[in-house]
Amino acid sequence: MFTTFHIIRDAVLVLLDAVPKNFSLTRLECEIFCLEGVKSVHHLNVWSISMDWHVMSVHLVIDHQADSDKVLKSVTSLAKNSFNIQHITCQIERTPGILESRSHNHIENGPDVTL
């Protein structure tokens, strides 16, 4: 009966698109942020399709001079090899060169709204 409880609990977590058991979103976010060229990580989501098939979607802001293909390969490799994520969707946005410092402050401090 105790084993049945674990199977049912795990099935419910998959059905609810919950973060996989024993998974650290904070660690994944930090490691992605540390990749060369990455300025910001947002809308990071990880969920399970089955008990051993994990999916990730993420939006990245990268430096305007960064190679987006290289960043994408780095994120994909990190997710697959270090976090056992089988499917990755990554949206890459660039910081404009002139507005780079303003964009960084905008991300840290929230939107700049004038009424």
PDB file of N, CA and C in Angstrom:
ATOM      1  N   MET A   1       0.826  -1.192   0.000  1.00  0.00           N
ATOM      2  CA  MET A   1       0.000   0.000   0.000  1.00  0.00           C
ATOM      3  C   MET A   1       0.873   1.261   0.000  1.00  0.00           C
ATOM      4  N   PHE A   2       1.998   1.230   0.745  1.00  0.00           N
ATOM      5  CA  PHE A   2       2.889   2.379   0.825  1.00  0.00           C
ATOM      6  C   PHE A   2       3.485   2.690  -0.555  1.00  0.00           C
ATOM      7  N   THR A   3       3.845   1.648  -1.319  1.00  0.00           N
ATOM      8  CA  THR A   3       4.377   1.827  -2.669  1.00  0.00           C
ATOM      9  C   THR A   3       3.325   2.430  -3.580  1.00  0.00           C
ATOM     10  N   THR A   4       2.082   2.005  -3.453  1.00  0.00           N
ATOM     11  CA  THR A   4       0.995   2.536  -4.267  1.00  0.00           C
ATOM     12  C   THR A   4       0.835   4.035  -4.033  1.00  0.00           C
ATOM     13  N   PHE A   5       0.962   4.470  -2.791  1.00  0.00           N
ATOM     14  CA  PHE A   5       0.863   5.893  -2.470  1.00  0.00           C
ATOM     15  C   PHE A   5       1.907   6.691  -3.242  1.00  0.00           C
ATOM     16  N   HIS A   6       3.156   6.228  -3.276  1.00  0.00           N
ATOM     17  CA  HIS A   6       4.232   6.931  -3.978  1.00  0.00           C
ATOM     18  C   HIS A   6       3.965   6.986  -5.483  1.00  0.00           C
ATOM     19  N   ILE A   7       3.470   5.908  -6.053  1.00  0.00           N
ATOM     20  CA  ILE A   7       3.167   5.880  -7.481  1.00  0.00           C
ATOM     21  C   ILE A   7       2.057   6.883  -7.800  1.00  0.00           C
ATOM     22  N   ILE A   8       1.007   6.885  -6.990  1.00  0.00           N
ATOM     23  CA  ILE A   8      -0.101   7.820  -7.210  1.00  0.00           C
ATOM     24  C   ILE A   8       0.368   9.263  -7.023  1.00  0.00           C
ATOM     25  N   ARG A   9       1.156   9.534  -5.986  1.00  0.00           N
ATOM     26  CA  ARG A   9       1.678  10.882  -5.747  1.00  0.00           C
ATOM     27  C   ARG A   9       2.519  11.359  -6.923  1.00  0.00           C
ATOM     28  N   ASP A  10       3.412  10.492  -7.417  1.00  0.00           N
ATOM     29  CA  ASP A  10       4.256  10.865  -8.545  1.00  0.00           C
ATOM     30  C   ASP A  10       3.424  11.107  -9.807  1.00  0.00           C
ATOM     31  N   ALA A  11       2.403  10.299 -10.021  1.00  0.00           N
ATOM     32  CA  ALA A  11       1.524  10.481 -11.181  1.00  0.00           C
ATOM     33  C   ALA A  11       0.777  11.809 -11.097  1.00  0.00           C
ATOM     34  N   VAL A  12       0.300  12.161  -9.921  1.00  0.00           N
ATOM     35  CA  VAL A  12      -0.403  13.435  -9.740  1.00  0.00           C
ATOM     36  C   VAL A  12       0.546  14.604 -10.006  1.00  0.00           C
ATOM     37  N   LEU A  13       1.780  14.520  -9.542  1.00  0.00           N
ATOM     38  CA  LEU A  13       2.754  15.586  -9.794  1.00  0.00           C
ATOM     39  C   LEU A  13       3.015  15.772 -11.282  1.00  0.00           C
ATOM     40  N   VAL A  14       3.078  14.674 -12.028  1.00  0.00           N
ATOM     41  CA  VAL A  14       3.254  14.764 -13.478  1.00  0.00           C
ATOM     42  C   VAL A  14       2.027  15.418 -14.109  1.00  0.00           C
ATOM     43  N   LEU A  15       0.838  15.007 -13.697  1.00  0.00           N
ATOM     44  CA  LEU A  15      -0.396  15.571 -14.247  1.00  0.00           C
ATOM     45  C   LEU A  15      -0.531  17.061 -13.937  1.00  0.00           C
ATOM     46  N   LEU A  16       0.009  17.503 -12.820  1.00  0.00           N
ATOM     47  CA  LEU A  16      -0.055  18.913 -12.445  1.00  0.00           C
ATOM     48  C   LEU A  16       1.080  19.742 -13.046  1.00  0.00           C
ATOM     49  N   ASP A  17       1.915  19.122 -13.863  1.00  0.00           N
ATOM     50  CA  ASP A  17       3.083  19.799 -14.448  1.00  0.00           C
ATOM     51  C   ASP A  17       3.971  20.407 -13.362  1.00  0.00           C
ATOM     52  N   ALA A  18       4.151  19.692 -12.286  1.00  0.00           N
ATOM     53  CA  ALA A  18       4.960  20.173 -11.165  1.00  0.00           C
ATOM     54  C   ALA A  18       6.450  20.090 -11.496  1.00  0.00           C
ATOM     55  N   VAL A  19       7.230  20.886 -10.783  1.00  0.00           N
ATOM     56  CA  VAL A  19       8.687  20.799 -10.903  1.00  0.00           C
ATOM     57  C   VAL A  19       9.096  19.401 -10.465  1.00  0.00           C
ATOM     58  N   PRO A  20       9.998  18.749 -11.213  1.00  0.00           N
ATOM     59  CA  PRO A  20      10.417  17.391 -10.835  1.00  0.00           C
ATOM     60  C   PRO A  20      10.930  17.320  -9.399  1.00  0.00           C
ATOM     61  N   LYS A  21      10.681  16.180  -8.789  1.00  0.00           N
ATOM     62  CA  LYS A  21      11.118  15.934  -7.419  1.00  0.00           C
ATOM     63  C   LYS A  21      12.641  16.064  -7.321  1.00  0.00           C
ATOM     64  N   ASN A  22      13.122  16.658  -6.243  1.00  0.00           N
ATOM     65  CA  ASN A  22      14.559  16.850  -5.985  1.00  0.00           C
ATOM     66  C   ASN A  22      15.235  17.719  -7.044  1.00  0.00           C
ATOM     67  N   PHE A  23      14.512  18.677  -7.594  1.00  0.00           N
ATOM     68  CA  PHE A  23      15.046  19.551  -8.635  1.00  0.00           C
ATOM     69  C   PHE A  23      15.163  20.960  -8.083  1.00  0.00           C
ATOM     70  N   SER A  24      16.296  21.628  -8.334  1.00  0.00           N
ATOM     71  CA  SER A  24      16.517  22.982  -7.845  1.00  0.00           C
ATOM     72  C   SER A  24      16.453  23.981  -8.999  1.00  0.00           C
ATOM     73  N   LEU A  25      15.323  24.700  -9.101  1.00  0.00           N
ATOM     74  CA  LEU A  25      15.208  25.761 -10.106  1.00  0.00           C
ATOM     75  C   LEU A  25      16.222  26.865  -9.845  1.00  0.00           C
ATOM     76  N   THR A  26      16.479  27.155  -8.590  1.00  0.00           N
ATOM     77  CA  THR A  26      17.432  28.204  -8.241  1.00  0.00           C
ATOM     78  C   THR A  26      18.827  27.862  -8.743  1.00  0.00           C
ATOM     79  N   ARG A  27      19.238  26.628  -8.551  1.00  0.00           N
ATOM     80  CA  ARG A  27      20.570  26.205  -9.024  1.00  0.00           C
ATOM     81  C   ARG A  27      20.654  26.276 -10.547  1.00  0.00           C
ATOM     82  N   LEU A  28      19.604  25.808 -11.235  1.00  0.00           N
ATOM     83  CA  LEU A  28      19.584  25.868 -12.695  1.00  0.00           C
ATOM     84  C   LEU A  28      19.651  27.313 -13.165  1.00  0.00           C
ATOM     85  N   GLU A  29      18.857  28.185 -12.564  1.00  0.00           N
ATOM     86  CA  GLU A  29      18.860  29.599 -12.952  1.00  0.00           C
ATOM     87  C   GLU A  29      20.247  30.215 -12.757  1.00  0.00           C
ATOM     88  N   CYS A  30      20.877  29.931 -11.627  1.00  0.00           N
ATOM     89  CA  CYS A  30      22.215  30.466 -11.354  1.00  0.00           C
ATOM     90  C   CYS A  30      23.245  29.968 -12.364  1.00  0.00           C
ATOM     91  N   GLU A  31      23.175  28.698 -12.701  1.00  0.00           N
ATOM     92  CA  GLU A  31      24.148  28.145 -13.649  1.00  0.00           C
ATOM     93  C   GLU A  31      23.930  28.690 -15.056  1.00  0.00           C
ATOM     94  N   ILE A  32      22.685  28.898 -15.454  1.00  0.00           N
ATOM     95  CA  ILE A  32      22.423  29.506 -16.768  1.00  0.00           C
ATOM     96  C   ILE A  32      22.932  30.946 -16.771  1.00  0.00           C
ATOM     97  N   PHE A  33      22.658  31.681 -15.689  1.00  0.00           N
ATOM     98  CA  PHE A  33      23.079  33.078 -15.584  1.00  0.00           C
ATOM     99  C   PHE A  33      24.599  33.215 -15.685  1.00  0.00           C
ATOM    100  N   CYS A  34      25.329  32.218 -15.209  1.00  0.00           N
ATOM    101  CA  CYS A  34      26.796  32.266 -15.221  1.00  0.00           C
ATOM    102  C   CYS A  34      27.401  31.963 -16.593  1.00  0.00           C
ATOM    103  N   LEU A  35      26.582  31.519 -17.545  1.00  0.00           N
ATOM    104  CA  LEU A  35      27.105  31.231 -18.876  1.00  0.00           C
ATOM    105  C   LEU A  35      27.534  32.520 -19.567  1.00  0.00           C
ATOM    106  N   GLU A  36      28.577  32.420 -20.372  1.00  0.00           N
ATOM    107  CA  GLU A  36      29.115  33.585 -21.069  1.00  0.00           C
ATOM    108  C   GLU A  36      28.054  34.217 -21.974  1.00  0.00           C
ATOM    109  N   GLY A  37      27.891  35.526 -21.835  1.00  0.00           N
ATOM    110  CA  GLY A  37      26.972  36.279 -22.677  1.00  0.00           C
ATOM    111  C   GLY A  37      25.578  36.460 -22.102  1.00  0.00           C
ATOM    112  N   VAL A  38      25.216  35.697 -21.068  1.00  0.00           N
ATOM    113  CA  VAL A  38      23.873  35.784 -20.494  1.00  0.00           C
ATOM    114  C   VAL A  38      23.817  36.959 -19.517  1.00  0.00           C
ATOM    115  N   LYS A  39      22.846  37.850 -19.739  1.00  0.00           N
ATOM    116  CA  LYS A  39      22.649  39.022 -18.881  1.00  0.00           C
ATOM    117  C   LYS A  39      21.494  38.837 -17.902  1.00  0.00           C
ATOM    118  N   SER A  40      20.479  38.046 -18.305  1.00  0.00           N
ATOM    119  CA  SER A  40      19.303  37.868 -17.469  1.00  0.00           C
ATOM    120  C   SER A  40      18.611  36.566 -17.823  1.00  0.00           C
ATOM    121  N   VAL A  41      18.021  35.945 -16.810  1.00  0.00           N
ATOM    122  CA  VAL A  41      17.233  34.723 -16.976  1.00  0.00           C
ATOM    123  C   VAL A  41      15.847  35.008 -16.403  1.00  0.00           C
ATOM    124  N   HIS A  42      14.812  34.773 -17.209  1.00  0.00           N
ATOM    125  CA  HIS A  42      13.463  34.951 -16.698  1.00  0.00           C
ATOM    126  C   HIS A  42      12.508  33.958 -17.346  1.00  0.00           C
ATOM    127  N   HIS A  43      11.333  33.845 -16.783  1.00  0.00           N
ATOM    128  CA  HIS A  43      10.321  32.878 -17.252  1.00  0.00           C
ATOM    129  C   HIS A  43      10.901  31.468 -17.360  1.00  0.00           C
ATOM    130  N   LEU A  44      11.649  31.067 -16.340  1.00  0.00           N
ATOM    131  CA  LEU A  44      12.226  29.729 -16.288  1.00  0.00           C
ATOM    132  C   LEU A  44      11.186  28.765 -15.719  1.00  0.00           C
ATOM    133  N   ASN A  45      10.849  27.764 -16.494  1.00  0.00           N
ATOM    134  CA  ASN A  45       9.890  26.742 -16.075  1.00  0.00           C
ATOM    135  C   ASN A  45      10.445  25.366 -16.390  1.00  0.00           C
ATOM    136  N   VAL A  46      10.318  24.456 -15.437  1.00  0.00           N
ATOM    137  CA  VAL A  46      10.711  23.058 -15.639  1.00  0.00           C
ATOM    138  C   VAL A  46       9.567  22.203 -15.128  1.00  0.00           C
ATOM    139  N   TRP A  47       9.173  21.210 -15.907  1.00  0.00           N
ATOM    140  CA  TRP A  47       8.107  20.305 -15.486  1.00  0.00           C
ATOM    141  C   TRP A  47       8.360  18.935 -16.081  1.00  0.00           C
ATOM    142  N   SER A  48       7.595  17.964 -15.626  1.00  0.00           N
ATOM    143  CA  SER A  48       7.761  16.575 -16.075  1.00  0.00           C
ATOM    144  C   SER A  48       6.622  16.184 -17.006  1.00  0.00           C
ATOM    145  N   ILE A  49       6.978  15.525 -18.085  1.00  0.00           N
ATOM    146  CA  ILE A  49       6.003  14.923 -18.981  1.00  0.00           C
ATOM    147  C   ILE A  49       5.718  13.491 -18.513  1.00  0.00           C
ATOM    148  N   SER A  50       6.751  12.860 -17.973  1.00  0.00           N
ATOM    149  CA  SER A  50       6.638  11.539 -17.345  1.00  0.00           C
ATOM    150  C   SER A  50       7.663  11.523 -16.216  1.00  0.00           C
ATOM    151  N   MET A  51       7.789  10.409 -15.541  1.00  0.00           N
ATOM    152  CA  MET A  51       8.699  10.347 -14.405  1.00  0.00           C
ATOM    153  C   MET A  51      10.167  10.579 -14.791  1.00  0.00           C
ATOM    154  N   ASP A  52      10.527  10.293 -16.022  1.00  0.00           N
ATOM    155  CA  ASP A  52      11.923  10.463 -16.423  1.00  0.00           C
ATOM    156  C   ASP A  52      12.085  11.332 -17.670  1.00  0.00           C
ATOM    157  N   TRP A  53      11.066  12.123 -18.024  1.00  0.00           N
ATOM    158  CA  TRP A  53      11.147  13.016 -19.184  1.00  0.00           C
ATOM    159  C   TRP A  53      10.806  14.420 -18.714  1.00  0.00           C
ATOM    160  N   HIS A  54      11.836  15.281 -18.613  1.00  0.00           N
ATOM    161  CA  HIS A  54      11.669  16.636 -18.097  1.00  0.00           C
ATOM    162  C   HIS A  54      11.804  17.652 -19.229  1.00  0.00           C
ATOM    163  N   VAL A  55      11.068  18.741 -19.094  1.00  0.00           N
ATOM    164  CA  VAL A  55      10.990  19.779 -20.112  1.00  0.00           C
ATOM    165  C   VAL A  55      11.314  21.119 -19.472  1.00  0.00           C
ATOM    166  N   MET A  56      11.985  22.004 -20.236  1.00  0.00           N
ATOM    167  CA  MET A  56      12.323  23.327 -19.738  1.00  0.00           C
ATOM    168  C   MET A  56      11.989  24.370 -20.788  1.00  0.00           C
ATOM    169  N   SER A  57      11.441  25.489 -20.334  1.00  0.00           N
ATOM    170  CA  SER A  57      11.342  26.665 -21.197  1.00  0.00           C
ATOM    171  C   SER A  57      11.948  27.825 -20.427  1.00  0.00           C
ATOM    172  N   VAL A  58      12.631  28.706 -21.150  1.00  0.00           N
ATOM    173  CA  VAL A  58      13.327  29.821 -20.512  1.00  0.00           C
ATOM    174  C   VAL A  58      13.471  30.962 -21.508  1.00  0.00           C
ATOM    175  N   HIS A  59      13.464  32.177 -20.985  1.00  0.00           N
ATOM    176  CA  HIS A  59      13.763  33.365 -21.770  1.00  0.00           C
ATOM    177  C   HIS A  59      15.093  33.912 -21.253  1.00  0.00           C
ATOM    178  N   LEU A  60      15.976  34.245 -22.173  1.00  0.00           N
ATOM    179  CA  LEU A  60      17.276  34.796 -21.812  1.00  0.00           C
ATOM    180  C   LEU A  60      17.471  36.144 -22.467  1.00  0.00           C
ATOM    181  N   VAL A  61      18.074  37.064 -21.748  1.00  0.00           N
ATOM    182  CA  VAL A  61      18.563  38.303 -22.341  1.00  0.00           C
ATOM    183  C   VAL A  61      20.072  38.127 -22.427  1.00  0.00           C
ATOM    184  N   ILE A  62      20.599  38.285 -23.638  1.00  0.00           N
ATOM    185  CA  ILE A  62      22.042  38.119 -23.829  1.00  0.00           C
ATOM    186  C   ILE A  62      22.650  39.442 -24.265  1.00  0.00           C
ATOM    187  N   ASP A  63      23.944  39.539 -24.062  1.00  0.00           N
ATOM    188  CA  ASP A  63      24.707  40.707 -24.483  1.00  0.00           C
ATOM    189  C   ASP A  63      24.559  40.896 -25.984  1.00  0.00           C
ATOM    190  N   HIS A  64      24.516  42.144 -26.428  1.00  0.00           N
ATOM    191  CA  HIS A  64      24.322  42.409 -27.856  1.00  0.00           C
ATOM    192  C   HIS A  64      25.458  41.864 -28.718  1.00  0.00           C
ATOM    193  N   GLN A  65      26.612  41.606 -28.143  1.00  0.00           N
ATOM    194  CA  GLN A  65      27.743  41.077 -28.911  1.00  0.00           C
ATOM    195  C   GLN A  65      27.892  39.557 -28.782  1.00  0.00           C
ATOM    196  N   ALA A  66      27.075  38.936 -27.957  1.00  0.00           N
ATOM    197  CA  ALA A  66      27.199  37.492 -27.727  1.00  0.00           C
ATOM    198  C   ALA A  66      26.730  36.710 -28.944  1.00  0.00           C
ATOM    199  N   ASP A  67      27.315  35.552 -29.140  1.00  0.00           N
ATOM    200  CA  ASP A  67      26.928  34.631 -30.212  1.00  0.00           C
ATOM    201  C   ASP A  67      25.725  33.820 -29.725  1.00  0.00           C
ATOM    202  N   SER A  68      24.545  34.091 -30.282  1.00  0.00           N
ATOM    203  CA  SER A  68      23.317  33.444 -29.797  1.00  0.00           C
ATOM    204  C   SER A  68      23.348  31.932 -30.000  1.00  0.00           C
ATOM    205  N   ASP A  69      23.964  31.465 -31.077  1.00  0.00           N
ATOM    206  CA  ASP A  69      24.065  30.017 -31.291  1.00  0.00           C
ATOM    207  C   ASP A  69      24.919  29.363 -30.209  1.00  0.00           C
ATOM    208  N   LYS A  70      26.004  30.023 -29.838  1.00  0.00           N
ATOM    209  CA  LYS A  70      26.884  29.495 -28.791  1.00  0.00           C
ATOM    210  C   LYS A  70      26.153  29.473 -27.444  1.00  0.00           C
ATOM    211  N   VAL A  71      25.414  30.534 -27.135  1.00  0.00           N
ATOM    212  CA  VAL A  71      24.651  30.581 -25.882  1.00  0.00           C
ATOM    213  C   VAL A  71      23.609  29.474 -25.874  1.00  0.00           C
ATOM    214  N   LEU A  72      22.890  29.304 -26.974  1.00  0.00           N
ATOM    215  CA  LEU A  72      21.873  28.263 -27.073  1.00  0.00           C
ATOM    216  C   LEU A  72      22.478  26.871 -26.878  1.00  0.00           C
ATOM    217  N   LYS A  73      23.621  26.614 -27.502  1.00  0.00           N
ATOM    218  CA  LYS A  73      24.291  25.317 -27.327  1.00  0.00           C
ATOM    219  C   LYS A  73      24.735  25.114 -25.879  1.00  0.00           C
ATOM    220  N   SER A  74      25.223  26.174 -25.249  1.00  0.00           N
ATOM    221  CA  SER A  74      25.663  26.075 -23.850  1.00  0.00           C
ATOM    222  C   SER A  74      24.496  25.776 -22.917  1.00  0.00           C
ATOM    223  N   VAL A  75      23.367  26.473 -23.123  1.00  0.00           N
ATOM    224  CA  VAL A  75      22.188  26.250 -22.283  1.00  0.00           C
ATOM    225  C   VAL A  75      21.666  24.837 -22.483  1.00  0.00           C
ATOM    226  N   THR A  76      21.589  24.404 -23.731  1.00  0.00           N
ATOM    227  CA  THR A  76      21.092  23.058 -24.043  1.00  0.00           C
ATOM    228  C   THR A  76      21.977  21.992 -23.420  1.00  0.00           C
ATOM    229  N   SER A  77      23.278  22.146 -23.563  1.00  0.00           N
ATOM    230  CA  SER A  77      24.222  21.181 -23.006  1.00  0.00           C
ATOM    231  C   SER A  77      24.123  21.140 -21.478  1.00  0.00           C
ATOM    232  N   LEU A  78      24.062  22.306 -20.851  1.00  0.00           N
ATOM    233  CA  LEU A  78      23.936  22.380 -19.394  1.00  0.00           C
ATOM    234  C   LEU A  78      22.665  21.680 -18.924  1.00  0.00           C
ATOM    235  N   ALA A  79      21.551  21.996 -19.548  1.00  0.00           N
ATOM    236  CA  ALA A  79      20.263  21.420 -19.130  1.00  0.00           C
ATOM    237  C   ALA A  79      20.238  19.904 -19.310  1.00  0.00           C
ATOM    238  N   LYS A  80      20.736  19.435 -20.445  1.00  0.00           N
ATOM    239  CA  LYS A  80      20.695  17.989 -20.723  1.00  0.00           C
ATOM    240  C   LYS A  80      21.695  17.219 -19.867  1.00  0.00           C
ATOM    241  N   ASN A  81      22.913  17.707 -19.787  1.00  0.00           N
ATOM    242  CA  ASN A  81      23.970  16.941 -19.117  1.00  0.00           C
ATOM    243  C   ASN A  81      23.980  17.098 -17.601  1.00  0.00           C
ATOM    244  N   SER A  82      23.652  18.270 -17.086  1.00  0.00           N
ATOM    245  CA  SER A  82      23.735  18.494 -15.646  1.00  0.00           C
ATOM    246  C   SER A  82      22.398  18.368 -14.922  1.00  0.00           C
ATOM    247  N   PHE A  83      21.284  18.509 -15.674  1.00  0.00           N
ATOM    248  CA  PHE A  83      19.976  18.521 -15.024  1.00  0.00           C
ATOM    249  C   PHE A  83      19.006  17.485 -15.592  1.00  0.00           C
ATOM    250  N   ASN A  84      19.475  16.653 -16.520  1.00  0.00           N
ATOM    251  CA  ASN A  84      18.664  15.571 -17.084  1.00  0.00           C
ATOM    252  C   ASN A  84      17.349  16.079 -17.695  1.00  0.00           C
ATOM    253  N   ILE A  85      17.428  17.195 -18.407  1.00  0.00           N
ATOM    254  CA  ILE A  85      16.257  17.763 -19.092  1.00  0.00           C
ATOM    255  C   ILE A  85      16.348  17.350 -20.560  1.00  0.00           C
ATOM    256  N   GLN A  86      15.282  16.715 -21.041  1.00  0.00           N
ATOM    257  CA  GLN A  86      15.322  16.155 -22.386  1.00  0.00           C
ATOM    258  C   GLN A  86      14.851  17.108 -23.471  1.00  0.00           C
ATOM    259  N   HIS A  87      14.000  18.063 -23.143  1.00  0.00           N
ATOM    260  CA  HIS A  87      13.482  18.984 -24.160  1.00  0.00           C
ATOM    261  C   HIS A  87      13.617  20.414 -23.649  1.00  0.00           C
ATOM    262  N   ILE A  88      14.234  21.282 -24.461  1.00  0.00           N
ATOM    263  CA  ILE A  88      14.498  22.658 -24.053  1.00  0.00           C
ATOM    264  C   ILE A  88      13.935  23.610 -25.097  1.00  0.00           C
ATOM    265  N   THR A  89      13.170  24.595 -24.626  1.00  0.00           N
ATOM    266  CA  THR A  89      12.736  25.703 -25.469  1.00  0.00           C
ATOM    267  C   THR A  89      13.349  26.960 -24.872  1.00  0.00           C
ATOM    268  N   CYS A  90      14.123  27.668 -25.684  1.00  0.00           N
ATOM    269  CA  CYS A  90      14.859  28.828 -25.198  1.00  0.00           C
ATOM    270  C   CYS A  90      14.594  30.013 -26.110  1.00  0.00           C
ATOM    271  N   GLN A  91      14.038  31.074 -25.553  1.00  0.00           N
ATOM    272  CA  GLN A  91      13.831  32.307 -26.307  1.00  0.00           C
ATOM    273  C   GLN A  91      14.946  33.259 -25.937  1.00  0.00           C
ATOM    274  N   ILE A  92      15.649  33.744 -26.942  1.00  0.00           N
ATOM    275  CA  ILE A  92      16.787  34.627 -26.707  1.00  0.00           C
ATOM    276  C   ILE A  92      16.436  36.039 -27.149  1.00  0.00           C
ATOM    277  N   GLU A  93      16.692  36.990 -26.259  1.00  0.00           N
ATOM    278  CA  GLU A  93      16.499  38.405 -26.546  1.00  0.00           C
ATOM    279  C   GLU A  93      17.860  39.069 -26.399  1.00  0.00           C
ATOM    280  N   ARG A  94      18.083  40.110 -27.161  1.00  0.00           N
ATOM    281  CA  ARG A  94      19.358  40.830 -27.074  1.00  0.00           C
ATOM    282  C   ARG A  94      19.172  42.171 -26.386  1.00  0.00           C
ATOM    283  N   THR A  95      20.217  42.581 -25.651  1.00  0.00           N
ATOM    284  CA  THR A  95      20.213  43.937 -25.118  1.00  0.00           C
ATOM    285  C   THR A  95      20.711  44.852 -26.221  1.00  0.00           C
ATOM    286  N   PRO A  96      20.050  45.978 -26.427  1.00  0.00           N
ATOM    287  CA  PRO A  96      20.595  46.937 -27.388  1.00  0.00           C
ATOM    288  C   PRO A  96      21.911  47.489 -26.866  1.00  0.00           C
ATOM    289  N   GLY A  97      22.904  47.651 -27.728  1.00  0.00           N
ATOM    290  CA  GLY A  97      24.229  48.093 -27.302  1.00  0.00           C
ATOM    291  C   GLY A  97      24.229  49.403 -26.551  1.00  0.00           C
ATOM    292  N   ILE A  98      23.517  50.416 -27.022  1.00  0.00           N
ATOM    293  CA  ILE A  98      23.518  51.729 -26.391  1.00  0.00           C
ATOM    294  C   ILE A  98      22.732  51.713 -25.090  1.00  0.00           C
ATOM    295  N   LEU A  99      21.662  50.927 -25.037  1.00  0.00           N
ATOM    296  CA  LEU A  99      20.786  50.922 -23.872  1.00  0.00           C
ATOM    297  C   LEU A  99      21.119  49.810 -22.889  1.00  0.00           C
ATOM    298  N   GLU A 100      22.253  49.159 -23.070  1.00  0.00           N
ATOM    299  CA  GLU A 100      22.574  47.988 -22.254  1.00  0.00           C
ATOM    300  C   GLU A 100      22.529  48.277 -20.762  1.00  0.00           C
ATOM    301  N   SER A 101      23.162  49.354 -20.290  1.00  0.00           N
ATOM    302  CA  SER A 101      23.163  49.620 -18.852  1.00  0.00           C
ATOM    303  C   SER A 101      21.773  49.987 -18.358  1.00  0.00           C
ATOM    304  N   ARG A 102      21.001  50.704 -19.156  1.00  0.00           N
ATOM    305  CA  ARG A 102      19.632  51.043 -18.757  1.00  0.00           C
ATOM    306  C   ARG A 102      18.775  49.779 -18.690  1.00  0.00           C
ATOM    307  N   SER A 103      18.923  48.890 -19.654  1.00  0.00           N
ATOM    308  CA  SER A 103      18.151  47.654 -19.654  1.00  0.00           C
ATOM    309  C   SER A 103      18.471  46.838 -18.417  1.00  0.00           C
ATOM    310  N   HIS A 104      19.733  46.797 -18.039  1.00  0.00           N
ATOM    311  CA  HIS A 104      20.129  46.027 -16.863  1.00  0.00           C
ATOM    312  C   HIS A 104      19.447  46.591 -15.616  1.00  0.00           C
ATOM    313  N   ASN A 105      19.436  47.908 -15.469  1.00  0.00           N
ATOM    314  CA  ASN A 105      18.757  48.523 -14.328  1.00  0.00           C
ATOM    315  C   ASN A 105      17.256  48.272 -14.395  1.00  0.00           C
ATOM    316  N   HIS A 106      16.702  48.313 -15.577  1.00  0.00           N
ATOM    317  CA  HIS A 106      15.280  48.058 -15.753  1.00  0.00           C
ATOM    318  C   HIS A 106      14.924  46.663 -15.253  1.00  0.00           C
ATOM    319  N   ILE A 107      15.755  45.692 -15.559  1.00  0.00           N
ATOM    320  CA  ILE A 107      15.498  44.318 -15.140  1.00  0.00           C
ATOM    321  C   ILE A 107      15.623  44.198 -13.623  1.00  0.00           C
ATOM    322  N   GLU A 108      16.623  44.826 -13.040  1.00  0.00           N
ATOM    323  CA  GLU A 108      16.830  44.713 -11.596  1.00  0.00           C
ATOM    324  C   GLU A 108      15.788  45.481 -10.792  1.00  0.00           C
ATOM    325  N   ASN A 109      15.427  46.680 -11.247  1.00  0.00           N
ATOM    326  CA  ASN A 109      14.589  47.561 -10.441  1.00  0.00           C
ATOM    327  C   ASN A 109      13.140  47.622 -10.882  1.00  0.00           C
ATOM    328  N   GLY A 110      12.752  46.896 -11.879  1.00  0.00           N
ATOM    329  CA  GLY A 110      11.370  46.927 -12.354  1.00  0.00           C
ATOM    330  C   GLY A 110      11.200  47.946 -13.462  1.00  0.00           C
ATOM    331  N   PRO A 111      10.017  48.012 -14.021  1.00  0.00           N
ATOM    332  CA  PRO A 111       9.784  48.904 -15.164  1.00  0.00           C
ATOM    333  C   PRO A 111       9.876  50.375 -14.774  1.00  0.00           C
ATOM    334  N   ASP A 112      10.312  51.169 -15.733  1.00  0.00           N
ATOM    335  CA  ASP A 112      10.410  52.611 -15.567  1.00  0.00           C
ATOM    336  C   ASP A 112       9.118  53.199 -16.127  1.00  0.00           C
ATOM    337  N   VAL A 113       8.159  53.491 -15.247  1.00  0.00           N
ATOM    338  CA  VAL A 113       6.845  53.959 -15.680  1.00  0.00           C
ATOM    339  C   VAL A 113       6.664  55.405 -15.265  1.00  0.00           C
ATOM    340  N   THR A 114       6.264  56.234 -16.226  1.00  0.00           N
ATOM    341  CA  THR A 114       5.957  57.635 -15.952  1.00  0.00           C
ATOM    342  C   THR A 114       4.492  57.859 -16.248  1.00  0.00           C
ATOM    343  N   LEU A 115       3.752  58.392 -15.286  1.00  0.00           N
ATOM    344  CA  LEU A 115       2.329  58.656 -15.481  1.00  0.00           C
ATOM    345  C   LEU A 115       2.079  60.117 -15.691  1.00  0.00           C
TER     346      LEU A 115
END
